[in-house]
Protein backbone atom coordinates (compact mmCIF):
# COMPACT_ATOMS: atom_id res chain seq x y z
CA MET A 1 116.71 95.16 82.92
CA ALA A 2 115.17 98.74 82.75
CA LYS A 3 114.29 101.51 85.15
CA ILE A 4 110.24 101.79 85.19
CA LYS A 5 108.88 104.94 87.12
CA PHE A 6 105.23 105.12 87.95
CA LYS A 7 102.92 106.40 90.60
CA LEU A 8 101.35 103.84 92.53
CA ASN A 9 98.59 104.75 95.13
CA GLY A 10 99.85 108.28 95.03
CA GLU A 11 103.57 107.58 95.58
CA ILE A 12 106.21 107.64 92.84
CA LYS A 13 108.03 104.22 92.47
CA GLU A 14 110.94 103.21 90.40
CA LEU A 15 111.94 99.65 89.62
CA ASP A 16 114.96 98.31 88.00
CA THR A 17 113.61 95.28 86.60
CA ASP A 18 112.73 93.29 83.72
CA PRO A 19 109.85 95.38 81.66
CA SER A 20 108.20 92.34 80.61
CA ARG A 21 107.07 91.28 83.93
CA ARG A 22 103.37 91.38 84.48
CA LEU A 23 102.18 94.50 86.54
CA LEU A 24 100.28 91.79 88.57
CA ASP A 25 103.31 90.18 89.78
CA VAL A 26 104.99 93.42 90.32
CA LEU A 27 101.89 94.48 92.70
CA ARG A 28 101.85 91.26 94.58
CA ASP A 29 105.45 90.57 94.69
CA ASP A 30 107.23 93.60 94.72
CA PHE A 31 104.89 95.73 96.57
CA ASN A 32 102.79 93.20 98.57
CA LEU A 33 99.54 94.59 97.41
CA THR A 34 97.12 91.62 97.23
CA GLY A 35 94.09 93.13 96.36
CA PRO A 36 94.60 92.39 92.70
CA LYS A 37 94.21 88.42 92.15
CA GLU A 38 95.29 85.94 89.75
CA GLY A 39 92.01 84.67 88.46
CA CYS A 40 92.50 83.48 84.81
CA GLY A 41 95.58 85.13 83.88
CA GLU A 42 94.49 85.83 80.69
CA GLY A 43 92.48 89.36 81.22
CA GLU A 44 89.39 87.56 81.29
CA CYS A 45 87.99 87.82 84.50
CA GLY A 46 88.79 91.10 86.30
CA ALA A 47 90.13 89.69 89.38
CA CYS A 48 93.17 91.79 88.78
CA ALA A 49 91.51 94.93 87.88
CA VAL A 50 93.55 98.14 88.87
CA LEU A 51 92.90 101.62 87.71
CA MET A 52 95.80 102.88 84.95
CA ASN A 53 95.41 106.69 84.38
CA LYS A 54 91.79 106.29 85.82
CA GLU A 55 90.92 103.72 83.23
CA ILE A 56 90.38 100.20 84.29
CA VAL A 57 92.88 97.61 83.05
CA ASN A 58 93.52 93.87 84.00
CA SER A 59 96.93 94.03 85.63
CA CYS A 60 97.78 90.11 84.48
CA SER A 61 97.71 91.51 80.86
CA VAL A 62 99.67 94.64 81.23
CA PRO A 63 103.78 94.38 80.87
CA LEU A 64 105.35 96.93 83.35
CA ALA A 65 106.71 98.47 80.35
CA ASN A 66 103.50 100.05 79.62
CA VAL A 67 103.11 101.78 83.23
CA LEU A 68 106.00 103.97 82.44
CA ASN A 69 104.99 107.32 83.73
CA LYS A 70 101.63 106.18 84.36
CA GLU A 71 99.35 106.33 87.49
CA ILE A 72 98.13 102.88 88.85
CA ILE A 73 95.58 102.80 91.61
CA THR A 74 94.91 99.52 93.27
CA ILE A 75 91.95 98.56 95.61
CA GLU A 76 94.43 99.24 98.57
CA GLY A 77 94.96 102.86 97.29
CA PHE A 78 91.21 103.17 96.29
CA SER A 79 90.10 102.29 99.65
CA LYS A 80 91.52 105.44 101.39
CA THR A 81 88.94 107.53 99.42
CA LYS A 82 85.61 108.56 100.43
CA ARG A 83 84.20 106.91 96.94
CA TYR A 84 85.57 103.67 97.82
CA GLN A 85 83.68 103.86 101.22
CA VAL A 86 80.33 104.66 99.33
CA ILE A 87 80.68 101.72 97.13
CA LYS A 88 81.97 99.26 99.73
CA ASP A 89 78.66 100.25 101.84
CA SER A 90 76.72 99.90 98.79
CA PHE A 91 77.89 96.34 98.17
CA ALA A 92 77.21 95.48 101.82
CA LYS A 93 73.93 96.93 101.93
CA ALA A 94 72.73 95.25 98.76
CA GLY A 95 74.52 91.82 99.64
CA GLY A 96 76.80 92.12 96.57
CA VAL A 97 79.55 90.21 98.21
CA GLN A 98 80.02 86.53 98.90
CA CYS A 99 83.24 84.80 99.02
CA GLY A 100 84.97 88.14 98.03
CA PHE A 101 87.37 86.84 95.35
CA CYS A 102 85.95 89.07 92.82
CA THR A 103 85.04 91.89 95.13
CA PRO A 104 88.18 94.04 94.71
CA GLY A 105 88.05 93.77 90.98
CA MET A 106 84.24 94.60 90.83
CA ILE A 107 84.61 97.61 93.27
CA ILE A 108 87.20 99.14 90.78
CA ALA A 109 85.15 98.42 87.81
CA THR A 110 82.31 100.06 89.72
CA GLU A 111 84.64 103.31 90.27
CA SER A 112 85.53 103.32 86.47
CA LEU A 113 81.97 102.87 85.59
CA LEU A 114 80.68 105.85 87.91
CA ASN A 115 83.63 108.10 86.96
CA LYS A 116 82.53 108.20 83.41
CA ASN A 117 78.53 107.48 83.92
CA PRO A 118 77.42 108.64 87.40
CA HIS A 119 73.91 107.90 86.73
CA PRO A 120 74.14 104.44 84.80
CA ASN A 121 70.86 102.64 83.78
CA GLU A 122 70.62 98.81 84.30
CA PHE A 123 72.31 97.85 80.91
CA GLU A 124 75.05 100.40 81.42
CA ILE A 125 75.84 98.83 84.69
CA LYS A 126 76.01 95.39 83.45
CA ILE A 127 78.23 96.68 80.16
CA GLY A 128 80.32 98.38 82.69
CA LEU A 129 80.89 94.99 84.83
CA SER A 130 81.05 92.79 81.77
CA GLY A 131 84.65 92.32 82.41
CA ASN A 132 84.22 90.80 85.70
CA LEU A 133 83.17 87.62 86.37
CA CYS A 134 81.63 86.31 89.81
CA ARG A 135 81.06 82.75 90.43
CA CYS A 136 78.77 83.41 93.81
CA THR A 137 76.10 86.04 93.44
CA GLY A 138 74.82 85.61 89.92
CA TYR A 139 75.08 89.46 89.39
CA ASN A 140 71.79 90.66 90.44
CA LEU A 141 72.99 91.71 93.93
CA ILE A 142 76.17 93.35 92.35
CA ILE A 143 73.92 95.30 90.07
CA GLU A 144 71.54 96.56 92.82
CA ALA A 145 74.98 97.31 94.83
CA VAL A 146 76.14 99.69 91.90
CA LYS A 147 72.89 101.43 91.76
CA LEU A 148 72.75 101.90 95.39
CA ALA A 149 76.29 103.50 94.99
CA ALA A 150 75.20 105.77 92.09
CA GLU A 151 72.56 107.20 94.36
CA ALA A 152 74.37 107.20 97.61
CA GLY A 153 77.48 108.87 96.00
CA GLU A 154 75.57 111.57 94.43
CA GLY A 155 77.87 114.40 93.72
CA LEU A 156 81.11 112.23 94.12
CA TRP A 157 81.37 111.21 90.50
């Protein structure tokens, strides 16, 4: 057991727990944050994506020890921002959501991409979303959603 202190969605948290636990399990089991989802459990699908110090990571592949003194933003925390609202509205307008399982990870990936590149071209969007799998949409509508978000959020990123 070890004390792990980190910032989660703007609040300082400290856990006395096994530092080898996966961040995904801690988020879901200890904090009841169910936006990050268990998809593949191998860091390949992006369903569990969160931001760690503003960088996208797959929380199923991150041991809790690696979040010591870091900032973690989940979809629940991000949903309280204006940037989230722009991305969410763009996904809805473009029809980039079907079953919704991948949507939190796709939104986190979109935020990560636009934070680094506020004016991505289609190729850059595909690269930015490449760590996230969707079984429903075929990606074209999601790519359109990211384009709309970049345009609608001009000046936010």
